Amino acid sequence: MAKKVNLKSVRLSDQVMDYVINFEGEGFNQKFENLVLFCMEQEESKKQRITLLDQQIAKQYKKLDVLQQISSKIGDVRSALTNLECKANDLSDLMDKLLEDKNADPELPFF
């Protein structure tokens, strides 16, 4: 362990004091130093983890964007098919009417 040459006095809330006291170490000074060293060691790995998670989130947003575009196109196709179905039904109704009219008057020039 490094030589301890810094003498400081700190004021702590009860909550922070309880946290430090419950950390590993023999006395308050050692517990406090162990806590700070632990946080320093964890900081880099947490930063790396955050960077990795940010990259994964960005990839998921890109996938979501692609899926939303596909969903929009599917909606457009569905709408077009529904419209086409309505037009086909209208055409079928007209054809039925023409056949009725043809049956009623065989001289009509259809078919």
PDB file of N, CA and C in Angstrom:
ATOM      1  N   MET A   1       0.830  -1.166   0.000  1.00  0.00           N
ATOM      2  CA  MET A   1       0.000   0.000   0.000  1.00  0.00           C
ATOM      3  C   MET A   1       0.883   1.240   0.000  1.00  0.00           C
ATOM      4  N   ALA A   2       0.378   2.290  -0.645  1.00  0.00           N
ATOM      5  CA  ALA A   2       1.135   3.540  -0.738  1.00  0.00           C
ATOM      6  C   ALA A   2       1.221   4.212   0.628  1.00  0.00           C
ATOM      7  N   LYS A   3       2.310   4.972   0.788  1.00  0.00           N
ATOM      8  CA  LYS A   3       2.496   5.706   2.040  1.00  0.00           C
ATOM      9  C   LYS A   3       1.423   6.770   2.148  1.00  0.00           C
ATOM     10  N   LYS A   4       0.838   6.905   3.310  1.00  0.00           N
ATOM     11  CA  LYS A   4      -0.262   7.843   3.531  1.00  0.00           C
ATOM     12  C   LYS A   4       0.282   9.122   4.134  1.00  0.00           C
ATOM     13  N   VAL A   5       0.334  10.163   3.292  1.00  0.00           N
ATOM     14  CA  VAL A   5       0.883  11.434   3.744  1.00  0.00           C
ATOM     15  C   VAL A   5      -0.165  12.536   3.807  1.00  0.00           C
ATOM     16  N   ASN A   6      -1.370  12.271   3.325  1.00  0.00           N
ATOM     17  CA  ASN A   6      -2.432  13.278   3.304  1.00  0.00           C
ATOM     18  C   ASN A   6      -3.325  13.128   4.530  1.00  0.00           C
ATOM     19  N   LEU A   7      -3.316  14.153   5.362  1.00  0.00           N
ATOM     20  CA  LEU A   7      -4.176  14.167   6.542  1.00  0.00           C
ATOM     21  C   LEU A   7      -5.339  15.100   6.257  1.00  0.00           C
ATOM     22  N   LYS A   8      -6.561  14.566   6.315  1.00  0.00           N
ATOM     23  CA  LYS A   8      -7.757  15.353   6.030  1.00  0.00           C
ATOM     24  C   LYS A   8      -8.825  15.037   7.065  1.00  0.00           C
ATOM     25  N   SER A   9      -9.686  15.981   7.259  1.00  0.00           N
ATOM     26  CA  SER A   9     -10.831  15.796   8.127  1.00  0.00           C
ATOM     27  C   SER A   9     -12.058  15.960   7.236  1.00  0.00           C
ATOM     28  N   VAL A  10     -13.022  15.058   7.395  1.00  0.00           N
ATOM     29  CA  VAL A  10     -14.227  15.133   6.563  1.00  0.00           C
ATOM     30  C   VAL A  10     -15.467  15.104   7.438  1.00  0.00           C
ATOM     31  N   ARG A  11     -16.515  15.680   6.937  1.00  0.00           N
ATOM     32  CA  ARG A  11     -17.814  15.623   7.603  1.00  0.00           C
ATOM     33  C   ARG A  11     -18.703  14.743   6.736  1.00  0.00           C
ATOM     34  N   LEU A  12     -19.374  13.792   7.367  1.00  0.00           N
ATOM     35  CA  LEU A  12     -20.193  12.828   6.636  1.00  0.00           C
ATOM     36  C   LEU A  12     -21.597  12.771   7.206  1.00  0.00           C
ATOM     37  N   SER A  13     -22.554  12.516   6.336  1.00  0.00           N
ATOM     38  CA  SER A  13     -23.913  12.289   6.817  1.00  0.00           C
ATOM     39  C   SER A  13     -23.963  10.900   7.455  1.00  0.00           C
ATOM     40  N   ASP A  14     -24.995  10.646   8.214  1.00  0.00           N
ATOM     41  CA  ASP A  14     -25.164   9.331   8.849  1.00  0.00           C
ATOM     42  C   ASP A  14     -25.232   8.226   7.795  1.00  0.00           C
ATOM     43  N   GLN A  15     -25.894   8.518   6.694  1.00  0.00           N
ATOM     44  CA  GLN A  15     -26.045   7.528   5.628  1.00  0.00           C
ATOM     45  C   GLN A  15     -24.688   7.136   5.043  1.00  0.00           C
ATOM     46  N   VAL A  16     -23.846   8.117   4.746  1.00  0.00           N
ATOM     47  CA  VAL A  16     -22.514   7.846   4.192  1.00  0.00           C
ATOM     48  C   VAL A  16     -21.653   7.158   5.237  1.00  0.00           C
ATOM     49  N   MET A  17     -21.727   7.606   6.481  1.00  0.00           N
ATOM     50  CA  MET A  17     -20.953   6.999   7.572  1.00  0.00           C
ATOM     51  C   MET A  17     -21.310   5.523   7.701  1.00  0.00           C
ATOM     52  N   ASP A  18     -22.594   5.193   7.690  1.00  0.00           N
ATOM     53  CA  ASP A  18     -23.022   3.789   7.790  1.00  0.00           C
ATOM     54  C   ASP A  18     -22.477   2.970   6.625  1.00  0.00           C
ATOM     55  N   TYR A  19     -22.478   3.562   5.440  1.00  0.00           N
ATOM     56  CA  TYR A  19     -21.991   2.853   4.251  1.00  0.00           C
ATOM     57  C   TYR A  19     -20.495   2.558   4.380  1.00  0.00           C
ATOM     58  N   VAL A  20     -19.735   3.555   4.783  1.00  0.00           N
ATOM     59  CA  VAL A  20     -18.283   3.369   4.940  1.00  0.00           C
ATOM     60  C   VAL A  20     -18.001   2.347   6.032  1.00  0.00           C
ATOM     61  N   ILE A  21     -18.674   2.440   7.149  1.00  0.00           N
ATOM     62  CA  ILE A  21     -18.449   1.526   8.275  1.00  0.00           C
ATOM     63  C   ILE A  21     -18.724   0.080   7.872  1.00  0.00           C
ATOM     64  N   ASN A  22     -19.674  -0.133   6.997  1.00  0.00           N
ATOM     65  CA  ASN A  22     -20.024  -1.497   6.576  1.00  0.00           C
ATOM     66  C   ASN A  22     -19.131  -2.036   5.461  1.00  0.00           C
ATOM     67  N   PHE A  23     -18.138  -1.255   5.014  1.00  0.00           N
ATOM     68  CA  PHE A  23     -17.242  -1.715   3.966  1.00  0.00           C
ATOM     69  C   PHE A  23     -16.078  -2.497   4.588  1.00  0.00           C
ATOM     70  N   GLU A  24     -15.351  -3.236   3.748  1.00  0.00           N
ATOM     71  CA  GLU A  24     -14.224  -4.055   4.227  1.00  0.00           C
ATOM     72  C   GLU A  24     -13.111  -3.171   4.793  1.00  0.00           C
ATOM     73  N   GLY A  25     -12.498  -3.621   5.861  1.00  0.00           N
ATOM     74  CA  GLY A  25     -11.357  -2.913   6.420  1.00  0.00           C
ATOM     75  C   GLY A  25     -11.362  -2.975   7.938  1.00  0.00           C
ATOM     76  N   GLU A  26     -10.209  -2.608   8.513  1.00  0.00           N
ATOM     77  CA  GLU A  26     -10.038  -2.684   9.971  1.00  0.00           C
ATOM     78  C   GLU A  26     -10.641  -1.485  10.674  1.00  0.00           C
ATOM     79  N   GLY A  27     -10.287  -0.299  10.257  1.00  0.00           N
ATOM     80  CA  GLY A  27     -10.799   0.914  10.899  1.00  0.00           C
ATOM     81  C   GLY A  27     -11.424   1.820   9.858  1.00  0.00           C
ATOM     82  N   PHE A  28     -11.899   2.971  10.329  1.00  0.00           N
ATOM     83  CA  PHE A  28     -12.574   3.894   9.421  1.00  0.00           C
ATOM     84  C   PHE A  28     -11.684   4.302   8.255  1.00  0.00           C
ATOM     85  N   ASN A  29     -10.439   4.686   8.547  1.00  0.00           N
ATOM     86  CA  ASN A  29      -9.538   5.133   7.477  1.00  0.00           C
ATOM     87  C   ASN A  29      -9.338   4.050   6.423  1.00  0.00           C
ATOM     88  N   GLN A  30      -9.088   2.819   6.861  1.00  0.00           N
ATOM     89  CA  GLN A  30      -8.869   1.730   5.912  1.00  0.00           C
ATOM     90  C   GLN A  30     -10.159   1.432   5.132  1.00  0.00           C
ATOM     91  N   LYS A  31     -11.295   1.436   5.810  1.00  0.00           N
ATOM     92  CA  LYS A  31     -12.581   1.192   5.144  1.00  0.00           C
ATOM     93  C   LYS A  31     -12.836   2.261   4.084  1.00  0.00           C
ATOM     94  N   PHE A  32     -12.593   3.520   4.447  1.00  0.00           N
ATOM     95  CA  PHE A  32     -12.810   4.621   3.519  1.00  0.00           C
ATOM     96  C   PHE A  32     -11.891   4.487   2.303  1.00  0.00           C
ATOM     97  N   GLU A  33     -10.632   4.211   2.545  1.00  0.00           N
ATOM     98  CA  GLU A  33      -9.681   4.058   1.437  1.00  0.00           C
ATOM     99  C   GLU A  33     -10.055   2.857   0.565  1.00  0.00           C
ATOM    100  N   ASN A  34     -10.435   1.729   1.185  1.00  0.00           N
ATOM    101  CA  ASN A  34     -10.851   0.549   0.417  1.00  0.00           C
ATOM    102  C   ASN A  34     -12.075   0.859  -0.456  1.00  0.00           C
ATOM    103  N   LEU A  35     -12.998   1.625   0.079  1.00  0.00           N
ATOM    104  CA  LEU A  35     -14.194   2.001  -0.663  1.00  0.00           C
ATOM    105  C   LEU A  35     -13.829   2.848  -1.881  1.00  0.00           C
ATOM    106  N   VAL A  36     -12.979   3.834  -1.679  1.00  0.00           N
ATOM    107  CA  VAL A  36     -12.562   4.703  -2.785  1.00  0.00           C
ATOM    108  C   VAL A  36     -11.804   3.898  -3.832  1.00  0.00           C
ATOM    109  N   LEU A  37     -10.882   3.038  -3.410  1.00  0.00           N
ATOM    110  CA  LEU A  37     -10.127   2.206  -4.361  1.00  0.00           C
ATOM    111  C   LEU A  37     -11.048   1.273  -5.136  1.00  0.00           C
ATOM    112  N   PHE A  38     -12.041   0.700  -4.445  1.00  0.00           N
ATOM    113  CA  PHE A  38     -13.009  -0.167  -5.104  1.00  0.00           C
ATOM    114  C   PHE A  38     -13.761   0.613  -6.193  1.00  0.00           C
ATOM    115  N   CYS A  39     -14.201   1.807  -5.847  1.00  0.00           N
ATOM    116  CA  CYS A  39     -14.925   2.635  -6.820  1.00  0.00           C
ATOM    117  C   CYS A  39     -14.032   2.992  -8.011  1.00  0.00           C
ATOM    118  N   MET A  40     -12.774   3.292  -7.746  1.00  0.00           N
ATOM    119  CA  MET A  40     -11.841   3.615  -8.821  1.00  0.00           C
ATOM    120  C   MET A  40     -11.655   2.420  -9.751  1.00  0.00           C
ATOM    121  N   GLU A  41     -11.532   1.232  -9.177  1.00  0.00           N
ATOM    122  CA  GLU A  41     -11.358   0.012  -9.983  1.00  0.00           C
ATOM    123  C   GLU A  41     -12.603  -0.281 -10.825  1.00  0.00           C
ATOM    124  N   GLN A  42     -13.769  -0.073 -10.248  1.00  0.00           N
ATOM    125  CA  GLN A  42     -15.030  -0.363 -10.934  1.00  0.00           C
ATOM    126  C   GLN A  42     -15.369   0.661 -12.008  1.00  0.00           C
ATOM    127  N   GLU A  43     -14.875   1.876 -11.845  1.00  0.00           N
ATOM    128  CA  GLU A  43     -15.243   2.965 -12.748  1.00  0.00           C
ATOM    129  C   GLU A  43     -14.935   2.634 -14.210  1.00  0.00           C
ATOM    130  N   GLU A  44     -13.747   2.149 -14.501  1.00  0.00           N
ATOM    131  CA  GLU A  44     -13.363   1.879 -15.893  1.00  0.00           C
ATOM    132  C   GLU A  44     -14.213   0.769 -16.500  1.00  0.00           C
ATOM    133  N   SER A  45     -14.424  -0.306 -15.752  1.00  0.00           N
ATOM    134  CA  SER A  45     -15.224  -1.403 -16.307  1.00  0.00           C
ATOM    135  C   SER A  45     -16.670  -0.957 -16.516  1.00  0.00           C
ATOM    136  N   LYS A  46     -17.185  -0.110 -15.639  1.00  0.00           N
ATOM    137  CA  LYS A  46     -18.553   0.404 -15.798  1.00  0.00           C
ATOM    138  C   LYS A  46     -18.644   1.314 -17.015  1.00  0.00           C
ATOM    139  N   LYS A  47     -17.627   2.136 -17.238  1.00  0.00           N
ATOM    140  CA  LYS A  47     -17.608   2.997 -18.421  1.00  0.00           C
ATOM    141  C   LYS A  47     -17.593   2.146 -19.688  1.00  0.00           C
ATOM    142  N   GLN A  48     -16.787   1.084 -19.689  1.00  0.00           N
ATOM    143  CA  GLN A  48     -16.731   0.197 -20.854  1.00  0.00           C
ATOM    144  C   GLN A  48     -18.075  -0.484 -21.068  1.00  0.00           C
ATOM    145  N   ARG A  49     -18.694  -0.905 -19.993  1.00  0.00           N
ATOM    146  CA  ARG A  49     -20.010  -1.566 -20.079  1.00  0.00           C
ATOM    147  C   ARG A  49     -21.064  -0.596 -20.619  1.00  0.00           C
ATOM    148  N   ILE A  50     -21.019   0.633 -20.161  1.00  0.00           N
ATOM    149  CA  ILE A  50     -21.960   1.652 -20.639  1.00  0.00           C
ATOM    150  C   ILE A  50     -21.753   1.894 -22.134  1.00  0.00           C
ATOM    151  N   THR A  51     -20.495   1.972 -22.559  1.00  0.00           N
ATOM    152  CA  THR A  51     -20.200   2.169 -23.981  1.00  0.00           C
ATOM    153  C   THR A  51     -20.757   1.015 -24.805  1.00  0.00           C
ATOM    154  N   LEU A  52     -20.540  -0.204 -24.335  1.00  0.00           N
ATOM    155  CA  LEU A  52     -21.055  -1.382 -25.029  1.00  0.00           C
ATOM    156  C   LEU A  52     -22.583  -1.346 -25.094  1.00  0.00           C
ATOM    157  N   LEU A  53     -23.217  -1.023 -23.983  1.00  0.00           N
ATOM    158  CA  LEU A  53     -24.686  -0.957 -23.956  1.00  0.00           C
ATOM    159  C   LEU A  53     -25.208   0.156 -24.868  1.00  0.00           C
ATOM    160  N   ASP A  54     -24.512   1.289 -24.900  1.00  0.00           N
ATOM    161  CA  ASP A  54     -24.910   2.369 -25.804  1.00  0.00           C
ATOM    162  C   ASP A  54     -24.840   1.917 -27.260  1.00  0.00           C
ATOM    163  N   GLN A  55     -23.802   1.157 -27.603  1.00  0.00           N
ATOM    164  CA  GLN A  55     -23.671   0.634 -28.966  1.00  0.00           C
ATOM    165  C   GLN A  55     -24.809  -0.341 -29.283  1.00  0.00           C
ATOM    166  N   GLN A  56     -25.130  -1.204 -28.327  1.00  0.00           N
ATOM    167  CA  GLN A  56     -26.223  -2.157 -28.532  1.00  0.00           C
ATOM    168  C   GLN A  56     -27.557  -1.430 -28.681  1.00  0.00           C
ATOM    169  N   ILE A  57     -27.758  -0.392 -27.900  1.00  0.00           N
ATOM    170  CA  ILE A  57     -28.990   0.394 -27.998  1.00  0.00           C
ATOM    171  C   ILE A  57     -29.077   1.050 -29.378  1.00  0.00           C
ATOM    172  N   ALA A  58     -27.971   1.604 -29.849  1.00  0.00           N
ATOM    173  CA  ALA A  58     -27.964   2.240 -31.174  1.00  0.00           C
ATOM    174  C   ALA A  58     -28.321   1.221 -32.256  1.00  0.00           C
ATOM    175  N   LYS A  59     -27.782   0.007 -32.155  1.00  0.00           N
ATOM    176  CA  LYS A  59     -28.104  -1.046 -33.133  1.00  0.00           C
ATOM    177  C   LYS A  59     -29.584  -1.403 -33.072  1.00  0.00           C
ATOM    178  N   GLN A  60     -30.129  -1.484 -31.867  1.00  0.00           N
ATOM    179  CA  GLN A  60     -31.546  -1.822 -31.718  1.00  0.00           C
ATOM    180  C   GLN A  60     -32.433  -0.716 -32.292  1.00  0.00           C
ATOM    181  N   TYR A  61     -32.031   0.543 -32.114  1.00  0.00           N
ATOM    182  CA  TYR A  61     -32.799   1.642 -32.702  1.00  0.00           C
ATOM    183  C   TYR A  61     -32.783   1.555 -34.225  1.00  0.00           C
ATOM    184  N   LYS A  62     -31.636   1.183 -34.800  1.00  0.00           N
ATOM    185  CA  LYS A  62     -31.556   1.022 -36.256  1.00  0.00           C
ATOM    186  C   LYS A  62     -32.482  -0.102 -36.713  1.00  0.00           C
ATOM    187  N   LYS A  63     -32.478  -1.226 -35.993  1.00  0.00           N
ATOM    188  CA  LYS A  63     -33.367  -2.334 -36.337  1.00  0.00           C
ATOM    189  C   LYS A  63     -34.824  -1.897 -36.224  1.00  0.00           C
ATOM    190  N   LEU A  64     -35.139  -1.165 -35.162  1.00  0.00           N
ATOM    191  CA  LEU A  64     -36.501  -0.686 -34.960  1.00  0.00           C
ATOM    192  C   LEU A  64     -36.923   0.221 -36.112  1.00  0.00           C
ATOM    193  N   ASP A  65     -36.027   1.089 -36.543  1.00  0.00           N
ATOM    194  CA  ASP A  65     -36.324   1.990 -37.659  1.00  0.00           C
ATOM    195  C   ASP A  65     -36.632   1.192 -38.926  1.00  0.00           C
ATOM    196  N   VAL A  66     -35.820   0.177 -39.194  1.00  0.00           N
ATOM    197  CA  VAL A  66     -36.051  -0.667 -40.372  1.00  0.00           C
ATOM    198  C   VAL A  66     -37.400  -1.372 -40.257  1.00  0.00           C
ATOM    199  N   LEU A  67     -37.704  -1.911 -39.078  1.00  0.00           N
ATOM    200  CA  LEU A  67     -38.983  -2.595 -38.876  1.00  0.00           C
ATOM    201  C   LEU A  67     -40.160  -1.638 -39.034  1.00  0.00           C
ATOM    202  N   GLN A  68     -40.010  -0.408 -38.574  1.00  0.00           N
ATOM    203  CA  GLN A  68     -41.084   0.574 -38.725  1.00  0.00           C
ATOM    204  C   GLN A  68     -41.297   0.918 -40.198  1.00  0.00           C
ATOM    205  N   GLN A  69     -40.211   1.012 -40.954  1.00  0.00           N
ATOM    206  CA  GLN A  69     -40.332   1.273 -42.385  1.00  0.00           C
ATOM    207  C   GLN A  69     -41.032   0.117 -43.091  1.00  0.00           C
ATOM    208  N   ILE A  70     -40.652  -1.108 -42.732  1.00  0.00           N
ATOM    209  CA  ILE A  70     -41.290  -2.287 -43.324  1.00  0.00           C
ATOM    210  C   ILE A  70     -42.771  -2.319 -42.947  1.00  0.00           C
ATOM    211  N   SER A  71     -43.067  -2.036 -41.697  1.00  0.00           N
ATOM    212  CA  SER A  71     -44.451  -2.022 -41.233  1.00  0.00           C
ATOM    213  C   SER A  71     -45.268  -0.981 -41.998  1.00  0.00           C
ATOM    214  N   SER A  72     -44.684   0.158 -42.235  1.00  0.00           N
ATOM    215  CA  SER A  72     -45.368   1.210 -42.991  1.00  0.00           C
ATOM    216  C   SER A  72     -45.647   0.746 -44.419  1.00  0.00           C
ATOM    217  N   LYS A  73     -44.661   0.101 -45.035  1.00  0.00           N
ATOM    218  CA  LYS A  73     -44.855  -0.412 -46.399  1.00  0.00           C
ATOM    219  C   LYS A  73     -45.919  -1.503 -46.429  1.00  0.00           C
ATOM    220  N   ILE A  74     -45.925  -2.344 -45.421  1.00  0.00           N
ATOM    221  CA  ILE A  74     -46.954  -3.388 -45.330  1.00  0.00           C
ATOM    222  C   ILE A  74     -48.331  -2.736 -45.213  1.00  0.00           C
ATOM    223  N   GLY A  75     -48.441  -1.685 -44.424  1.00  0.00           N
ATOM    224  CA  GLY A  75     -49.700  -0.954 -44.295  1.00  0.00           C
ATOM    225  C   GLY A  75     -50.137  -0.367 -45.624  1.00  0.00           C
ATOM    226  N   ASP A  76     -49.167   0.179 -46.382  1.00  0.00           N
ATOM    227  CA  ASP A  76     -49.489   0.734 -47.697  1.00  0.00           C
ATOM    228  C   ASP A  76     -49.994  -0.360 -48.636  1.00  0.00           C
ATOM    229  N   VAL A  77     -49.330  -1.517 -48.614  1.00  0.00           N
ATOM    230  CA  VAL A  77     -49.738  -2.633 -49.478  1.00  0.00           C
ATOM    231  C   VAL A  77     -51.118  -3.136 -49.055  1.00  0.00           C
ATOM    232  N   ARG A  78     -51.325  -3.250 -47.747  1.00  0.00           N
ATOM    233  CA  ARG A  78     -52.641  -3.693 -47.245  1.00  0.00           C
ATOM    234  C   ARG A  78     -53.733  -2.743 -47.721  1.00  0.00           C
ATOM    235  N   SER A  79     -53.480  -1.449 -47.628  1.00  0.00           N
ATOM    236  CA  SER A  79     -54.453  -0.456 -48.062  1.00  0.00           C
ATOM    237  C   SER A  79     -54.713  -0.581 -49.564  1.00  0.00           C
ATOM    238  N   ALA A  80     -53.652  -0.747 -50.329  1.00  0.00           N
ATOM    239  CA  ALA A  80     -53.801  -0.896 -51.777  1.00  0.00           C
ATOM    240  C   ALA A  80     -54.592  -2.157 -52.116  1.00  0.00           C
ATOM    241  N   LEU A  81     -54.321  -3.248 -51.403  1.00  0.00           N
ATOM    242  CA  LEU A  81     -55.051  -4.498 -51.646  1.00  0.00           C
ATOM    243  C   LEU A  81     -56.525  -4.367 -51.274  1.00  0.00           C
ATOM    244  N   THR A  82     -56.794  -3.685 -50.178  1.00  0.00           N
ATOM    245  CA  THR A  82     -58.187  -3.448 -49.780  1.00  0.00           C
ATOM    246  C   THR A  82     -58.905  -2.628 -50.843  1.00  0.00           C
ATOM    247  N   ASN A  83     -58.237  -1.581 -51.328  1.00  0.00           N
ATOM    248  CA  ASN A  83     -58.805  -0.752 -52.388  1.00  0.00           C
ATOM    249  C   ASN A  83     -59.025  -1.585 -53.654  1.00  0.00           C
ATOM    250  N   LEU A  84     -58.057  -2.418 -53.986  1.00  0.00           N
ATOM    251  CA  LEU A  84     -58.175  -3.282 -55.164  1.00  0.00           C
ATOM    252  C   LEU A  84     -59.332  -4.259 -55.008  1.00  0.00           C
ATOM    253  N   GLU A  85     -59.490  -4.789 -53.799  1.00  0.00           N
ATOM    254  CA  GLU A  85     -60.601  -5.711 -53.536  1.00  0.00           C
ATOM    255  C   GLU A  85     -61.942  -5.004 -53.740  1.00  0.00           C
ATOM    256  N   CYS A  86     -62.040  -3.773 -53.263  1.00  0.00           N
ATOM    257  CA  CYS A  86     -63.281  -3.000 -53.451  1.00  0.00           C
ATOM    258  C   CYS A  86     -63.546  -2.772 -54.936  1.00  0.00           C
ATOM    259  N   LYS A  87     -62.511  -2.419 -55.671  1.00  0.00           N
ATOM    260  CA  LYS A  87     -62.666  -2.200 -57.109  1.00  0.00           C
ATOM    261  C   LYS A  87     -63.052  -3.495 -57.817  1.00  0.00           C
ATOM    262  N   ALA A  88     -62.460  -4.610 -57.413  1.00  0.00           N
ATOM    263  CA  ALA A  88     -62.793  -5.911 -58.012  1.00  0.00           C
ATOM    264  C   ALA A  88     -64.247  -6.266 -57.708  1.00  0.00           C
ATOM    265  N   ASN A  89     -64.705  -5.977 -56.497  1.00  0.00           N
ATOM    266  CA  ASN A  89     -66.102  -6.229 -56.141  1.00  0.00           C
ATOM    267  C   ASN A  89     -67.038  -5.351 -56.970  1.00  0.00           C
ATOM    268  N   ASP A  90     -66.653  -4.081 -57.141  1.00  0.00           N
ATOM    269  CA  ASP A  90     -67.454  -3.188 -57.984  1.00  0.00           C
ATOM    270  C   ASP A  90     -67.520  -3.702 -59.416  1.00  0.00           C
ATOM    271  N   LEU A  91     -66.392  -4.159 -59.936  1.00  0.00           N
ATOM    272  CA  LEU A  91     -66.350  -4.700 -61.301  1.00  0.00           C
ATOM    273  C   LEU A  91     -67.196  -5.953 -61.406  1.00  0.00           C
ATOM    274  N   SER A  92     -67.118  -6.800 -60.410  1.00  0.00           N
ATOM    275  CA  SER A  92     -67.932  -8.020 -60.405  1.00  0.00           C
ATOM    276  C   SER A  92     -69.424  -7.681 -60.391  1.00  0.00           C
ATOM    277  N   ASP A  93     -69.789  -6.677 -59.585  1.00  0.00           N
ATOM    278  CA  ASP A  93     -71.189  -6.254 -59.540  1.00  0.00           C
ATOM    279  C   ASP A  93     -71.636  -5.719 -60.903  1.00  0.00           C
ATOM    280  N   LEU A  94     -70.759  -4.947 -61.547  1.00  0.00           N
ATOM    281  CA  LEU A  94     -71.087  -4.435 -62.882  1.00  0.00           C
ATOM    282  C   LEU A  94     -71.237  -5.566 -63.895  1.00  0.00           C
ATOM    283  N   MET A  95     -70.346  -6.532 -63.818  1.00  0.00           N
ATOM    284  CA  MET A  95     -70.420  -7.680 -64.736  1.00  0.00           C
ATOM    285  C   MET A  95     -71.721  -8.446 -64.512  1.00  0.00           C
ATOM    286  N   ASP A  96     -72.083  -8.642 -63.251  1.00  0.00           N
ATOM    287  CA  ASP A  96     -73.352  -9.312 -62.947  1.00  0.00           C
ATOM    288  C   ASP A  96     -74.527  -8.524 -63.513  1.00  0.00           C
ATOM    289  N   LYS A  97     -74.499  -7.194 -63.386  1.00  0.00           N
ATOM    290  CA  LYS A  97     -75.568  -6.346 -63.911  1.00  0.00           C
ATOM    291  C   LYS A  97     -75.644  -6.452 -65.420  1.00  0.00           C
ATOM    292  N   LEU A  98     -74.450  -6.447 -66.057  1.00  0.00           N
ATOM    293  CA  LEU A  98     -74.431  -6.578 -67.517  1.00  0.00           C
ATOM    294  C   LEU A  98     -74.991  -7.922 -67.953  1.00  0.00           C
ATOM    295  N   LEU A  99     -74.664  -8.976 -67.232  1.00  0.00           N
ATOM    296  CA  LEU A  99     -75.186 -10.306 -67.568  1.00  0.00           C
ATOM    297  C   LEU A  99     -76.707 -10.345 -67.388  1.00  0.00           C
ATOM    298  N   GLU A 100     -77.196  -9.698 -66.341  1.00  0.00           N
ATOM    299  CA  GLU A 100     -78.649  -9.637 -66.135  1.00  0.00           C
ATOM    300  C   GLU A 100     -79.317  -8.892 -67.289  1.00  0.00           C
ATOM    301  N   ASP A 101     -78.680  -7.759 -67.657  1.00  0.00           N
ATOM    302  CA  ASP A 101     -79.230  -6.968 -68.757  1.00  0.00           C
ATOM    303  C   ASP A 101     -79.163  -7.754 -70.065  1.00  0.00           C
ATOM    304  N   LYS A 102     -78.093  -8.502 -70.280  1.00  0.00           N
ATOM    305  CA  LYS A 102     -77.929  -9.313 -71.496  1.00  0.00           C
ATOM    306  C   LYS A 102     -78.991 -10.410 -71.524  1.00  0.00           C
ATOM    307  N   ASN A 103     -79.233 -11.030 -70.361  1.00  0.00           N
ATOM    308  CA  ASN A 103     -80.258 -12.072 -70.300  1.00  0.00           C
ATOM    309  C   ASN A 103     -81.650 -11.486 -70.540  1.00  0.00           C
ATOM    310  N   ALA A 104     -81.844 -10.244 -70.064  1.00  0.00           N
ATOM    311  CA  ALA A 104     -83.145  -9.606 -70.273  1.00  0.00           C
ATOM    312  C   ALA A 104     -83.347  -9.179 -71.714  1.00  0.00           C
ATOM    313  N   ASP A 105     -82.254  -8.800 -72.367  1.00  0.00           N
ATOM    314  CA  ASP A 105     -82.344  -8.342 -73.772  1.00  0.00           C
ATOM    315  C   ASP A 105     -81.197  -8.955 -74.563  1.00  0.00           C
ATOM    316  N   PRO A 106     -81.422 -10.109 -75.195  1.00  0.00           N
ATOM    317  CA  PRO A 106     -80.352 -10.822 -75.911  1.00  0.00           C
ATOM    318  C   PRO A 106     -79.746 -10.011 -77.052  1.00  0.00           C
ATOM    319  N   GLU A 107     -80.354  -8.929 -77.433  1.00  0.00           N
ATOM    320  CA  GLU A 107     -79.828  -8.147 -78.554  1.00  0.00           C
ATOM    321  C   GLU A 107     -78.761  -7.156 -78.140  1.00  0.00           C
ATOM    322  N   LEU A 108     -78.507  -7.026 -76.839  1.00  0.00           N
ATOM    323  CA  LEU A 108     -77.456  -6.126 -76.386  1.00  0.00           C
ATOM    324  C   LEU A 108     -76.095  -6.636 -76.894  1.00  0.00           C
ATOM    325  N   PRO A 109     -75.222  -5.708 -77.300  1.00  0.00           N
ATOM    326  CA  PRO A 109     -73.971  -6.114 -77.959  1.00  0.00           C
ATOM    327  C   PRO A 109     -72.845  -6.498 -76.986  1.00  0.00           C
ATOM    328  N   PHE A 110     -73.178  -7.138 -75.898  1.00  0.00           N
ATOM    329  CA  PHE A 110     -72.144  -7.535 -74.950  1.00  0.00           C
ATOM    330  C   PHE A 110     -71.899  -9.013 -75.065  1.00  0.00           C
ATOM    331  N   PHE A 111     -70.681  -9.407 -75.021  1.00  0.00           N
ATOM    332  CA  PHE A 111     -70.222 -10.800 -74.981  1.00  0.00           C
ATOM    333  C   PHE A 111     -70.441 -11.449 -76.279  1.00  0.00           C
TER     334      PHE A 111
END
